[in-house]
Amino acid sequence: MAGELVYFWIGVPDAQRAQTFYGDLFGWTFSAGTAPDGFQIENTDPPGGLHGGDDSSTPQVCFGVDDLDAAMAKVRELGGESEEPHSTSNGAYVMCRDDQGTSFCLWAPAKES
C-alpha cells in the first residue's frame, strides 16, 4: 500500500455548486460526509470527497503508508514538514508538505488488535 493514492478531496467555496459541476461532468454522485459542508463522492476509485467553505483551488491527495510515524519521520528527514496526526475510526492521517512546499496527506489504517 505504501505510496498508493488512497483518497482525494476537493475544497471549494460552494459545495452545492461543485456537486452540480462534477456530477454533470463525471457522473459523480454524493452523500453526506463527516465534515461540515462535506460530501463523499460515491462512485470514484480511489474514494474522494469535496467540502465547501474553502478558498483553495487545488485538489488534495492522500497517500497510504503502513507506519504513519515512520513516514512522518522520513518526510522530515527529506526536508519536508508534517503536522500532528489526526485519528479517525479507521486509521490516522497527517497533512504534510514536501521540500518545495507542495501539500499532501499521508494515511495509515488502524492497526488490528
PDB file of N, CA and C in Angstrom:
ATOM      1  N   MET A   1       0.810  -1.190   0.000  1.00  0.00           N
ATOM      2  CA  MET A   1       0.000   0.000   0.000  1.00  0.00           C
ATOM      3  C   MET A   1       0.858   1.261   0.000  1.00  0.00           C
ATOM      4  N   ALA A   2       2.077   1.218   0.451  1.00  0.00           N
ATOM      5  CA  ALA A   2       2.881   2.430   0.599  1.00  0.00           C
ATOM      6  C   ALA A   2       2.966   3.200  -0.713  1.00  0.00           C
ATOM      7  N   GLY A   3       2.534   4.438  -0.668  1.00  0.00           N
ATOM      8  CA  GLY A   3       2.621   5.319  -1.825  1.00  0.00           C
ATOM      9  C   GLY A   3       1.428   5.281  -2.748  1.00  0.00           C
ATOM     10  N   GLU A   4       0.467   4.388  -2.509  1.00  0.00           N
ATOM     11  CA  GLU A   4      -0.721   4.349  -3.358  1.00  0.00           C
ATOM     12  C   GLU A   4      -1.643   5.517  -3.022  1.00  0.00           C
ATOM     13  N   LEU A   5      -2.270   6.064  -4.033  1.00  0.00           N
ATOM     14  CA  LEU A   5      -3.285   7.091  -3.824  1.00  0.00           C
ATOM     15  C   LEU A   5      -4.495   6.413  -3.198  1.00  0.00           C
ATOM     16  N   VAL A   6      -4.868   6.828  -1.990  1.00  0.00           N
ATOM     17  CA  VAL A   6      -5.968   6.169  -1.287  1.00  0.00           C
ATOM     18  C   VAL A   6      -7.186   7.069  -1.096  1.00  0.00           C
ATOM     19  N   TYR A   7      -7.037   8.381  -1.285  1.00  0.00           N
ATOM     20  CA  TYR A   7      -8.166   9.295  -1.100  1.00  0.00           C
ATOM     21  C   TYR A   7      -7.794  10.642  -1.704  1.00  0.00           C
ATOM     22  N   PHE A   8      -8.792  11.381  -2.155  1.00  0.00           N
ATOM     23  CA  PHE A   8      -8.581  12.757  -2.606  1.00  0.00           C
ATOM     24  C   PHE A   8      -9.774  13.585  -2.167  1.00  0.00           C
ATOM     25  N   TRP A   9      -9.548  14.881  -2.081  1.00  0.00           N
ATOM     26  CA  TRP A   9     -10.679  15.761  -1.798  1.00  0.00           C
ATOM     27  C   TRP A   9     -10.479  17.078  -2.511  1.00  0.00           C
ATOM     28  N   ILE A  10     -11.609  17.726  -2.750  1.00  0.00           N
ATOM     29  CA  ILE A  10     -11.611  18.998  -3.449  1.00  0.00           C
ATOM     30  C   ILE A  10     -12.288  20.014  -2.546  1.00  0.00           C
ATOM     31  N   GLY A  11     -11.552  21.044  -2.166  1.00  0.00           N
ATOM     32  CA  GLY A  11     -12.105  22.141  -1.387  1.00  0.00           C
ATOM     33  C   GLY A  11     -12.591  23.233  -2.328  1.00  0.00           C
ATOM     34  N   VAL A  12     -13.820  23.669  -2.130  1.00  0.00           N
ATOM     35  CA  VAL A  12     -14.442  24.663  -3.000  1.00  0.00           C
ATOM     36  C   VAL A  12     -15.179  25.693  -2.158  1.00  0.00           C
ATOM     37  N   PRO A  13     -15.408  26.886  -2.686  1.00  0.00           N
ATOM     38  CA  PRO A  13     -16.206  27.853  -1.934  1.00  0.00           C
ATOM     39  C   PRO A  13     -17.657  27.395  -1.725  1.00  0.00           C
ATOM     40  N   ASP A  14     -18.272  26.761  -2.731  1.00  0.00           N
ATOM     41  CA  ASP A  14     -19.691  26.409  -2.704  1.00  0.00           C
ATOM     42  C   ASP A  14     -19.851  24.925  -3.034  1.00  0.00           C
ATOM     43  N   ALA A  15     -20.138  24.105  -2.012  1.00  0.00           N
ATOM     44  CA  ALA A  15     -20.218  22.655  -2.209  1.00  0.00           C
ATOM     45  C   ALA A  15     -21.391  22.253  -3.097  1.00  0.00           C
ATOM     46  N   GLN A  16     -22.517  22.924  -2.976  1.00  0.00           N
ATOM     47  CA  GLN A  16     -23.673  22.568  -3.803  1.00  0.00           C
ATOM     48  C   GLN A  16     -23.366  22.804  -5.284  1.00  0.00           C
ATOM     49  N   ARG A  17     -22.764  23.921  -5.569  1.00  0.00           N
ATOM     50  CA  ARG A  17     -22.393  24.244  -6.943  1.00  0.00           C
ATOM     51  C   ARG A  17     -21.384  23.216  -7.490  1.00  0.00           C
ATOM     52  N   ALA A  18     -20.429  22.813  -6.650  1.00  0.00           N
ATOM     53  CA  ALA A  18     -19.428  21.825  -7.072  1.00  0.00           C
ATOM     54  C   ALA A  18     -20.070  20.469  -7.339  1.00  0.00           C
ATOM     55  N   GLN A  19     -21.051  20.095  -6.528  1.00  0.00           N
ATOM     56  CA  GLN A  19     -21.739  18.829  -6.767  1.00  0.00           C
ATOM     57  C   GLN A  19     -22.414  18.837  -8.136  1.00  0.00           C
ATOM     58  N   THR A  20     -23.028  19.947  -8.476  1.00  0.00           N
ATOM     59  CA  THR A  20     -23.664  20.065  -9.790  1.00  0.00           C
ATOM     60  C   THR A  20     -22.623  19.981 -10.895  1.00  0.00           C
ATOM     61  N   PHE A  21     -21.532  20.740 -10.768  1.00  0.00           N
ATOM     62  CA  PHE A  21     -20.491  20.761 -11.799  1.00  0.00           C
ATOM     63  C   PHE A  21     -19.881  19.368 -12.001  1.00  0.00           C
ATOM     64  N   TYR A  22     -19.336  18.781 -10.922  1.00  0.00           N
ATOM     65  CA  TYR A  22     -18.648  17.496 -11.048  1.00  0.00           C
ATOM     66  C   TYR A  22     -19.623  16.353 -11.315  1.00  0.00           C
ATOM     67  N   GLY A  23     -20.836  16.471 -10.793  1.00  0.00           N
ATOM     68  CA  GLY A  23     -21.850  15.469 -11.097  1.00  0.00           C
ATOM     69  C   GLY A  23     -22.180  15.446 -12.583  1.00  0.00           C
ATOM     70  N   ASP A  24     -22.347  16.633 -13.172  1.00  0.00           N
ATOM     71  CA  ASP A  24     -22.631  16.711 -14.603  1.00  0.00           C
ATOM     72  C   ASP A  24     -21.415  16.343 -15.445  1.00  0.00           C
ATOM     73  N   LEU A  25     -20.217  16.708 -14.996  1.00  0.00           N
ATOM     74  CA  LEU A  25     -19.002  16.426 -15.754  1.00  0.00           C
ATOM     75  C   LEU A  25     -18.644  14.940 -15.753  1.00  0.00           C
ATOM     76  N   PHE A  26     -18.624  14.331 -14.552  1.00  0.00           N
ATOM     77  CA  PHE A  26     -18.126  12.966 -14.408  1.00  0.00           C
ATOM     78  C   PHE A  26     -19.211  11.938 -14.067  1.00  0.00           C
ATOM     79  N   GLY A  27     -20.419  12.385 -13.777  1.00  0.00           N
ATOM     80  CA  GLY A  27     -21.459  11.465 -13.339  1.00  0.00           C
ATOM     81  C   GLY A  27     -21.319  11.071 -11.878  1.00  0.00           C
ATOM     82  N   TRP A  28     -20.545  11.854 -11.112  1.00  0.00           N
ATOM     83  CA  TRP A  28     -20.360  11.562  -9.696  1.00  0.00           C
ATOM     84  C   TRP A  28     -21.669  11.732  -8.952  1.00  0.00           C
ATOM     85  N   THR A  29     -21.881  10.892  -7.939  1.00  0.00           N
ATOM     86  CA  THR A  29     -22.993  11.047  -7.014  1.00  0.00           C
ATOM     87  C   THR A  29     -22.406  11.273  -5.626  1.00  0.00           C
ATOM     88  N   PHE A  30     -23.186  11.892  -4.756  1.00  0.00           N
ATOM     89  CA  PHE A  30     -22.662  12.352  -3.466  1.00  0.00           C
ATOM     90  C   PHE A  30     -23.563  11.908  -2.317  1.00  0.00           C
ATOM     91  N   SER A  31     -22.950  11.723  -1.162  1.00  0.00           N
ATOM     92  CA  SER A  31     -23.688  11.505   0.081  1.00  0.00           C
ATOM     93  C   SER A  31     -23.054  12.393   1.147  1.00  0.00           C
ATOM     94  N   ALA A  32     -23.776  12.585   2.237  1.00  0.00           N
ATOM     95  CA  ALA A  32     -23.275  13.440   3.316  1.00  0.00           C
ATOM     96  C   ALA A  32     -21.960  12.885   3.846  1.00  0.00           C
ATOM     97  N   GLY A  33     -21.031  13.786   4.111  1.00  0.00           N
ATOM     98  CA  GLY A  33     -19.744  13.404   4.682  1.00  0.00           C
ATOM     99  C   GLY A  33     -19.726  13.647   6.176  1.00  0.00           C
ATOM    100  N   THR A  34     -18.556  13.528   6.780  1.00  0.00           N
ATOM    101  CA  THR A  34     -18.428  13.707   8.222  1.00  0.00           C
ATOM    102  C   THR A  34     -18.030  15.125   8.609  1.00  0.00           C
ATOM    103  N   ALA A  35     -17.517  15.896   7.657  1.00  0.00           N
ATOM    104  CA  ALA A  35     -17.110  17.280   7.934  1.00  0.00           C
ATOM    105  C   ALA A  35     -18.269  18.221   7.624  1.00  0.00           C
ATOM    106  N   PRO A  36     -18.349  19.349   8.316  1.00  0.00           N
ATOM    107  CA  PRO A  36     -19.399  20.319   7.980  1.00  0.00           C
ATOM    108  C   PRO A  36     -19.290  20.727   6.511  1.00  0.00           C
ATOM    109  N   ASP A  37     -20.426  20.735   5.811  1.00  0.00           N
ATOM    110  CA  ASP A  37     -20.500  21.089   4.394  1.00  0.00           C
ATOM    111  C   ASP A  37     -19.607  20.175   3.551  1.00  0.00           C
ATOM    112  N   GLY A  38     -19.431  18.923   4.019  1.00  0.00           N
ATOM    113  CA  GLY A  38     -18.604  17.959   3.316  1.00  0.00           C
ATOM    114  C   GLY A  38     -19.434  16.824   2.750  1.00  0.00           C
ATOM    115  N   PHE A  39     -18.970  16.263   1.649  1.00  0.00           N
ATOM    116  CA  PHE A  39     -19.694  15.208   0.955  1.00  0.00           C
ATOM    117  C   PHE A  39     -18.726  14.149   0.453  1.00  0.00           C
ATOM    118  N   GLN A  40     -19.137  12.892   0.545  1.00  0.00           N
ATOM    119  CA  GLN A  40     -18.391  11.789  -0.035  1.00  0.00           C
ATOM    120  C   GLN A  40     -18.807  11.650  -1.493  1.00  0.00           C
ATOM    121  N   ILE A  41     -17.842  11.389  -2.349  1.00  0.00           N
ATOM    122  CA  ILE A  41     -18.139  11.074  -3.742  1.00  0.00           C
ATOM    123  C   ILE A  41     -18.343   9.560  -3.777  1.00  0.00           C
ATOM    124  N   GLU A  42     -19.509   9.136  -4.191  1.00  0.00           N
ATOM    125  CA  GLU A  42     -19.900   7.739  -4.085  1.00  0.00           C
ATOM    126  C   GLU A  42     -19.270   6.822  -5.118  1.00  0.00           C
ATOM    127  N   ASN A  43     -18.992   7.290  -6.300  1.00  0.00           N
ATOM    128  CA  ASN A  43     -18.634   6.388  -7.387  1.00  0.00           C
ATOM    129  C   ASN A  43     -17.285   6.728  -8.017  1.00  0.00           C
ATOM    130  N   THR A  44     -16.251   6.832  -7.166  1.00  0.00           N
ATOM    131  CA  THR A  44     -14.892   7.053  -7.659  1.00  0.00           C
ATOM    132  C   THR A  44     -13.959   6.003  -7.076  1.00  0.00           C
ATOM    133  N   ASP A  45     -12.872   5.778  -7.767  1.00  0.00           N
ATOM    134  CA  ASP A  45     -11.839   4.889  -7.276  1.00  0.00           C
ATOM    135  C   ASP A  45     -10.496   5.502  -7.631  1.00  0.00           C
ATOM    136  N   PRO A  46      -9.715   5.941  -6.640  1.00  0.00           N
ATOM    137  CA  PRO A  46      -9.940   5.791  -5.213  1.00  0.00           C
ATOM    138  C   PRO A  46     -11.079   6.678  -4.731  1.00  0.00           C
ATOM    139  N   PRO A  47     -11.534   6.446  -3.496  1.00  0.00           N
ATOM    140  CA  PRO A  47     -12.622   7.260  -2.957  1.00  0.00           C
ATOM    141  C   PRO A  47     -12.204   8.722  -2.828  1.00  0.00           C
ATOM    142  N   GLY A  48     -13.207   9.582  -2.835  1.00  0.00           N
ATOM    143  CA  GLY A  48     -12.933  11.007  -2.735  1.00  0.00           C
ATOM    144  C   GLY A  48     -14.052  11.750  -2.040  1.00  0.00           C
ATOM    145  N   GLY A  49     -13.818  13.024  -1.835  1.00  0.00           N
ATOM    146  CA  GLY A  49     -14.805  13.883  -1.200  1.00  0.00           C
ATOM    147  C   GLY A  49     -14.649  15.310  -1.659  1.00  0.00           C
ATOM    148  N   LEU A  50     -15.615  16.119  -1.293  1.00  0.00           N
ATOM    149  CA  LEU A  50     -15.494  17.562  -1.508  1.00  0.00           C
ATOM    150  C   LEU A  50     -16.104  18.269  -0.325  1.00  0.00           C
ATOM    151  N   HIS A  51     -15.637  19.477  -0.088  1.00  0.00           N
ATOM    152  CA  HIS A  51     -16.191  20.265   1.014  1.00  0.00           C
ATOM    153  C   HIS A  51     -16.251  21.721   0.620  1.00  0.00           C
ATOM    154  N   GLY A  52     -17.263  22.384   1.135  1.00  0.00           N
ATOM    155  CA  GLY A  52     -17.457  23.796   0.854  1.00  0.00           C
ATOM    156  C   GLY A  52     -16.749  24.670   1.867  1.00  0.00           C
ATOM    157  N   GLY A  53     -16.800  25.966   1.607  1.00  0.00           N
ATOM    158  CA  GLY A  53     -16.217  26.940   2.517  1.00  0.00           C
ATOM    159  C   GLY A  53     -14.709  27.037   2.436  1.00  0.00           C
ATOM    160  N   ASP A  54     -14.123  26.626   1.328  1.00  0.00           N
ATOM    161  CA  ASP A  54     -12.669  26.621   1.170  1.00  0.00           C
ATOM    162  C   ASP A  54     -12.300  27.468  -0.039  1.00  0.00           C
ATOM    163  N   ASP A  55     -11.392  28.402   0.135  1.00  0.00           N
ATOM    164  CA  ASP A  55     -10.946  29.232  -0.983  1.00  0.00           C
ATOM    165  C   ASP A  55      -9.931  28.508  -1.862  1.00  0.00           C
ATOM    166  N   SER A  56      -9.483  27.337  -1.427  1.00  0.00           N
ATOM    167  CA  SER A  56      -8.472  26.590  -2.171  1.00  0.00           C
ATOM    168  C   SER A  56      -8.978  26.202  -3.546  1.00  0.00           C
ATOM    169  N   SER A  57      -8.082  26.183  -4.486  1.00  0.00           N
ATOM    170  CA  SER A  57      -8.448  25.755  -5.830  1.00  0.00           C
ATOM    171  C   SER A  57      -7.609  24.565  -6.257  1.00  0.00           C
ATOM    172  N   THR A  58      -6.957  23.912  -5.311  1.00  0.00           N
ATOM    173  CA  THR A  58      -6.088  22.790  -5.615  1.00  0.00           C
ATOM    174  C   THR A  58      -6.617  21.528  -4.951  1.00  0.00           C
ATOM    175  N   PRO A  59      -6.960  20.498  -5.729  1.00  0.00           N
ATOM    176  CA  PRO A  59      -7.354  19.235  -5.102  1.00  0.00           C
ATOM    177  C   PRO A  59      -6.212  18.703  -4.236  1.00  0.00           C
ATOM    178  N   GLN A  60      -6.556  17.994  -3.182  1.00  0.00           N
ATOM    179  CA  GLN A  60      -5.573  17.409  -2.280  1.00  0.00           C
ATOM    180  C   GLN A  60      -5.583  15.900  -2.437  1.00  0.00           C
ATOM    181  N   VAL A  61      -4.420  15.288  -2.303  1.00  0.00           N
ATOM    182  CA  VAL A  61      -4.306  13.840  -2.422  1.00  0.00           C
ATOM    183  C   VAL A  61      -3.762  13.254  -1.127  1.00  0.00           C
ATOM    184  N   CYS A  62      -4.147  12.020  -0.877  1.00  0.00           N
ATOM    185  CA  CYS A  62      -3.716  11.323   0.330  1.00  0.00           C
ATOM    186  C   CYS A  62      -3.121   9.974  -0.078  1.00  0.00           C
ATOM    187  N   PHE A  63      -1.895   9.727   0.356  1.00  0.00           N
ATOM    188  CA  PHE A  63      -1.176   8.507   0.015  1.00  0.00           C
ATOM    189  C   PHE A  63      -1.150   7.562   1.214  1.00  0.00           C
ATOM    190  N   GLY A  64      -1.328   6.284   0.957  1.00  0.00           N
ATOM    191  CA  GLY A  64      -1.312   5.290   2.014  1.00  0.00           C
ATOM    192  C   GLY A  64       0.097   4.913   2.435  1.00  0.00           C
ATOM    193  N   VAL A  65       0.269   4.704   3.730  1.00  0.00           N
ATOM    194  CA  VAL A  65       1.533   4.214   4.294  1.00  0.00           C
ATOM    195  C   VAL A  65       1.199   3.153   5.338  1.00  0.00           C
ATOM    196  N   ASP A  66       2.146   2.287   5.610  1.00  0.00           N
ATOM    197  CA  ASP A  66       1.931   1.246   6.615  1.00  0.00           C
ATOM    198  C   ASP A  66       2.178   1.758   8.028  1.00  0.00           C
ATOM    199  N   ASP A  67       3.125   2.678   8.190  1.00  0.00           N
ATOM    200  CA  ASP A  67       3.521   3.188   9.501  1.00  0.00           C
ATOM    201  C   ASP A  67       3.567   4.712   9.430  1.00  0.00           C
ATOM    202  N   LEU A  68       2.576   5.355  10.000  1.00  0.00           N
ATOM    203  CA  LEU A  68       2.466   6.812   9.898  1.00  0.00           C
ATOM    204  C   LEU A  68       3.643   7.519  10.569  1.00  0.00           C
ATOM    205  N   ASP A  69       4.046   7.060  11.756  1.00  0.00           N
ATOM    206  CA  ASP A  69       5.161   7.713  12.451  1.00  0.00           C
ATOM    207  C   ASP A  69       6.451   7.627  11.643  1.00  0.00           C
ATOM    208  N   ALA A  70       6.728   6.472  11.081  1.00  0.00           N
ATOM    209  CA  ALA A  70       7.940   6.307  10.273  1.00  0.00           C
ATOM    210  C   ALA A  70       7.877   7.180   9.021  1.00  0.00           C
ATOM    211  N   ALA A  71       6.701   7.259   8.398  1.00  0.00           N
ATOM    212  CA  ALA A  71       6.562   8.089   7.194  1.00  0.00           C
ATOM    213  C   ALA A  71       6.739   9.569   7.526  1.00  0.00           C
ATOM    214  N   MET A  72       6.184  10.014   8.659  1.00  0.00           N
ATOM    215  CA  MET A  72       6.356  11.407   9.076  1.00  0.00           C
ATOM    216  C   MET A  72       7.830  11.715   9.319  1.00  0.00           C
ATOM    217  N   ALA A  73       8.532  10.797   9.958  1.00  0.00           N
ATOM    218  CA  ALA A  73       9.965  10.987  10.205  1.00  0.00           C
ATOM    219  C   ALA A  73      10.724  11.072   8.887  1.00  0.00           C
ATOM    220  N   LYS A  74      10.353  10.255   7.921  1.00  0.00           N
ATOM    221  CA  LYS A  74      11.026  10.265   6.617  1.00  0.00           C
ATOM    222  C   LYS A  74      10.759  11.581   5.887  1.00  0.00           C
ATOM    223  N   VAL A  75       9.528  12.087   5.967  1.00  0.00           N
ATOM    224  CA  VAL A  75       9.210  13.389   5.361  1.00  0.00           C
ATOM    225  C   VAL A  75      10.140  14.452   5.921  1.00  0.00           C
ATOM    226  N   ARG A  76      10.285  14.477   7.242  1.00  0.00           N
ATOM    227  CA  ARG A  76      11.150  15.482   7.889  1.00  0.00           C
ATOM    228  C   ARG A  76      12.619  15.265   7.521  1.00  0.00           C
ATOM    229  N   GLU A  77      13.053  14.010   7.475  1.00  0.00           N
ATOM    230  CA  GLU A  77      14.435  13.692   7.104  1.00  0.00           C
ATOM    231  C   GLU A  77      14.758  14.194   5.696  1.00  0.00           C
ATOM    232  N   LEU A  78      13.778  14.160   4.817  1.00  0.00           N
ATOM    233  CA  LEU A  78      13.977  14.579   3.429  1.00  0.00           C
ATOM    234  C   LEU A  78      13.777  16.081   3.224  1.00  0.00           C
ATOM    235  N   GLY A  79      13.575  16.824   4.305  1.00  0.00           N
ATOM    236  CA  GLY A  79      13.446  18.275   4.213  1.00  0.00           C
ATOM    237  C   GLY A  79      12.020  18.780   4.124  1.00  0.00           C
ATOM    238  N   GLY A  80      11.057  17.885   4.280  1.00  0.00           N
ATOM    239  CA  GLY A  80       9.654  18.293   4.267  1.00  0.00           C
ATOM    240  C   GLY A  80       9.159  18.598   5.668  1.00  0.00           C
ATOM    241  N   GLU A  81       7.868  18.828   5.773  1.00  0.00           N
ATOM    242  CA  GLU A  81       7.235  19.149   7.057  1.00  0.00           C
ATOM    243  C   GLU A  81       5.991  18.290   7.219  1.00  0.00           C
ATOM    244  N   SER A  82       5.675  17.945   8.459  1.00  0.00           N
ATOM    245  CA  SER A  82       4.417  17.262   8.734  1.00  0.00           C
ATOM    246  C   SER A  82       3.788  17.881   9.970  1.00  0.00           C
ATOM    247  N   GLU A  83       2.474  17.975   9.932  1.00  0.00           N
ATOM    248  CA  GLU A  83       1.722  18.471  11.073  1.00  0.00           C
ATOM    249  C   GLU A  83       1.524  17.321  12.054  1.00  0.00           C
ATOM    250  N   GLU A  84       0.706  17.542  13.070  1.00  0.00           N
ATOM    251  CA  GLU A  84       0.381  16.477  14.005  1.00  0.00           C
ATOM    252  C   GLU A  84      -0.688  15.581  13.388  1.00  0.00           C
ATOM    253  N   PRO A  85      -0.610  14.275  13.608  1.00  0.00           N
ATOM    254  CA  PRO A  85      -1.591  13.358  13.025  1.00  0.00           C
ATOM    255  C   PRO A  85      -2.962  13.485  13.692  1.00  0.00           C
ATOM    256  N   HIS A  86      -3.981  13.082  12.945  1.00  0.00           N
ATOM    257  CA  HIS A  86      -5.368  13.077  13.411  1.00  0.00           C
ATOM    258  C   HIS A  86      -5.890  11.652  13.296  1.00  0.00           C
ATOM    259  N   SER A  87      -6.516  11.152  14.353  1.00  0.00           N
ATOM    260  CA  SER A  87      -7.075   9.808  14.340  1.00  0.00           C
ATOM    261  C   SER A  87      -8.500   9.816  13.824  1.00  0.00           C
ATOM    262  N   THR A  88      -8.867   8.749  13.128  1.00  0.00           N
ATOM    263  CA  THR A  88     -10.235   8.530  12.677  1.00  0.00           C
ATOM    264  C   THR A  88     -10.638   7.126  13.124  1.00  0.00           C
ATOM    265  N   SER A  89     -11.862   6.752  12.852  1.00  0.00           N
ATOM    266  CA  SER A  89     -12.324   5.428  13.267  1.00  0.00           C
ATOM    267  C   SER A  89     -11.619   4.298  12.519  1.00  0.00           C
ATOM    268  N   ASN A  90     -11.073   4.592  11.350  1.00  0.00           N
ATOM    269  CA  ASN A  90     -10.432   3.527  10.572  1.00  0.00           C
ATOM    270  C   ASN A  90      -8.943   3.742  10.330  1.00  0.00           C
ATOM    271  N   GLY A  91      -8.332   4.685  11.038  1.00  0.00           N
ATOM    272  CA  GLY A  91      -6.900   4.923  10.880  1.00  0.00           C
ATOM    273  C   GLY A  91      -6.503   6.307  11.351  1.00  0.00           C
ATOM    274  N   ALA A  92      -5.453   6.831  10.752  1.00  0.00           N
ATOM    275  CA  ALA A  92      -4.972   8.171  11.101  1.00  0.00           C
ATOM    276  C   ALA A  92      -4.365   8.813   9.862  1.00  0.00           C
ATOM    277  N   TYR A  93      -4.414  10.146   9.822  1.00  0.00           N
ATOM    278  CA  TYR A  93      -3.840  10.874   8.695  1.00  0.00           C
ATOM    279  C   TYR A  93      -3.072  12.074   9.215  1.00  0.00           C
ATOM    280  N   VAL A  94      -2.205  12.597   8.357  1.00  0.00           N
ATOM    281  CA  VAL A  94      -1.425  13.777   8.694  1.00  0.00           C
ATOM    282  C   VAL A  94      -1.208  14.597   7.424  1.00  0.00           C
ATOM    283  N   MET A  95      -1.327  15.899   7.553  1.00  0.00           N
ATOM    284  CA  MET A  95      -1.037  16.799   6.435  1.00  0.00           C
ATOM    285  C   MET A  95       0.458  17.091   6.428  1.00  0.00           C
ATOM    286  N   CYS A  96       1.040  17.060   5.224  1.00  0.00           N
ATOM    287  CA  CYS A  96       2.484  17.261   5.059  1.00  0.00           C
ATOM    288  C   CYS A  96       2.745  18.232   3.916  1.00  0.00           C
ATOM    289  N   ARG A  97       3.997  18.671   3.837  1.00  0.00           N
ATOM    290  CA  ARG A  97       4.490  19.449   2.696  1.00  0.00           C
ATOM    291  C   ARG A  97       5.837  18.857   2.307  1.00  0.00           C
ATOM    292  N   ASP A  98       6.061  18.764   0.994  1.00  0.00           N
ATOM    293  CA  ASP A  98       7.361  18.253   0.547  1.00  0.00           C
ATOM    294  C   ASP A  98       8.415  19.341   0.707  1.00  0.00           C
ATOM    295  N   ASP A  99       9.630  19.080   0.259  1.00  0.00           N
ATOM    296  CA  ASP A  99      10.728  20.031   0.435  1.00  0.00           C
ATOM    297  C   ASP A  99      10.618  21.258  -0.461  1.00  0.00           C
ATOM    298  N   GLN A 100       9.554  21.323  -1.293  1.00  0.00           N
ATOM    299  CA  GLN A 100       9.302  22.510  -2.111  1.00  0.00           C
ATOM    300  C   GLN A 100       7.999  23.212  -1.723  1.00  0.00           C
ATOM    301  N   GLY A 101       7.338  22.715  -0.677  1.00  0.00           N
ATOM    302  CA  GLY A 101       6.133  23.360  -0.174  1.00  0.00           C
ATOM    303  C   GLY A 101       4.817  22.820  -0.701  1.00  0.00           C
ATOM    304  N   THR A 102       4.841  21.766  -1.515  1.00  0.00           N
ATOM    305  CA  THR A 102       3.608  21.185  -2.033  1.00  0.00           C
ATOM    306  C   THR A 102       2.949  20.331  -0.953  1.00  0.00           C
ATOM    307  N   SER A 103       1.664  20.570  -0.708  1.00  0.00           N
ATOM    308  CA  SER A 103       0.984  19.843   0.353  1.00  0.00           C
ATOM    309  C   SER A 103       0.421  18.513  -0.137  1.00  0.00           C
ATOM    310  N   PHE A 104       0.382  17.555   0.782  1.00  0.00           N
ATOM    311  CA  PHE A 104      -0.202  16.243   0.545  1.00  0.00           C
ATOM    312  C   PHE A 104      -0.544  15.635   1.887  1.00  0.00           C
ATOM    313  N   CYS A 105      -1.235  14.524   1.848  1.00  0.00           N
ATOM    314  CA  CYS A 105      -1.678  13.852   3.061  1.00  0.00           C
ATOM    315  C   CYS A 105      -1.113  12.441   3.076  1.00  0.00           C
ATOM    316  N   LEU A 106      -0.787  11.943   4.277  1.00  0.00           N
ATOM    317  CA  LEU A 106      -0.426  10.558   4.468  1.00  0.00           C
ATOM    318  C   LEU A 106      -1.497   9.911   5.347  1.00  0.00           C
ATOM    319  N   TRP A 107      -1.872   8.673   5.034  1.00  0.00           N
ATOM    320  CA  TRP A 107      -2.891   7.964   5.812  1.00  0.00           C
ATOM    321  C   TRP A 107      -2.437   6.545   6.067  1.00  0.00           C
ATOM    322  N   ALA A 108      -2.649   6.084   7.315  1.00  0.00           N
ATOM    323  CA  ALA A 108      -2.352   4.693   7.681  1.00  0.00           C
ATOM    324  C   ALA A 108      -3.600   4.088   8.300  1.00  0.00           C
ATOM    325  N   PRO A 109      -3.924   2.856   7.915  1.00  0.00           N
ATOM    326  CA  PRO A 109      -5.087   2.203   8.511  1.00  0.00           C
ATOM    327  C   PRO A 109      -4.859   1.909   9.983  1.00  0.00           C
ATOM    328  N   ALA A 110      -5.956   1.763  10.713  1.00  0.00           N
ATOM    329  CA  ALA A 110      -5.866   1.395  12.121  1.00  0.00           C
ATOM    330  C   ALA A 110      -5.198   0.027  12.237  1.00  0.00           C
ATOM    331  N   LYS A 111      -4.381  -0.124  13.259  1.00  0.00           N
ATOM    332  CA  LYS A 111      -3.718  -1.407  13.483  1.00  0.00           C
ATOM    333  C   LYS A 111      -4.728  -2.375  14.080  1.00  0.00           C
ATOM    334  N   GLU A 112      -4.744  -3.595  13.544  1.00  0.00           N
ATOM    335  CA  GLU A 112      -5.659  -4.604  14.064  1.00  0.00           C
ATOM    336  C   GLU A 112      -5.109  -5.127  15.383  1.00  0.00           C
ATOM    337  N   SER A 113      -6.031  -5.355  16.330  1.00  0.00           N
ATOM    338  CA  SER A 113      -5.575  -5.856  17.625  1.00  0.00           C
ATOM    339  C   SER A 113      -5.820  -7.317  17.787  1.00  0.00           C
TER     340      SER A 113
END
